[in-house]
Amino acid sequence: MATQLSRQDEVDRNLQYFLSQLPKLAQSQFGKFALLRHQTITDFFTTSVDAAKAGKSLYPDGMFSIQQVTDVPIDLGFFSHAGDNGSA
């Protein structure tokens, strides 16, 4: 259960950081998908699938999240939540 809470904490912190950066990001990365880990954007991708593949490869512990750079909040479902050690 502690792992589940820490993943949710990771997602929540990443989202807050992402939202604080969004005005700057929208100018240069609009429409792309940001891969986040520990309140840092590690890279941008053209598709959520590419971002998820990179996240699973780079962070086998599953502690990452993905957000699309857009002017409207979007729930990416699975992709907006921290990974789950490669399952799913």
Foldseek 3Di string as FASTA:
>chain_A
DVLVVVQVVLLVLLVVLCVVCLVVCCVPPAQWKFKDAPSDGPDTHNDLVVSVVVCCVVPLCQRIAMAHRHPDGDDPDPRSTGGDNPDD
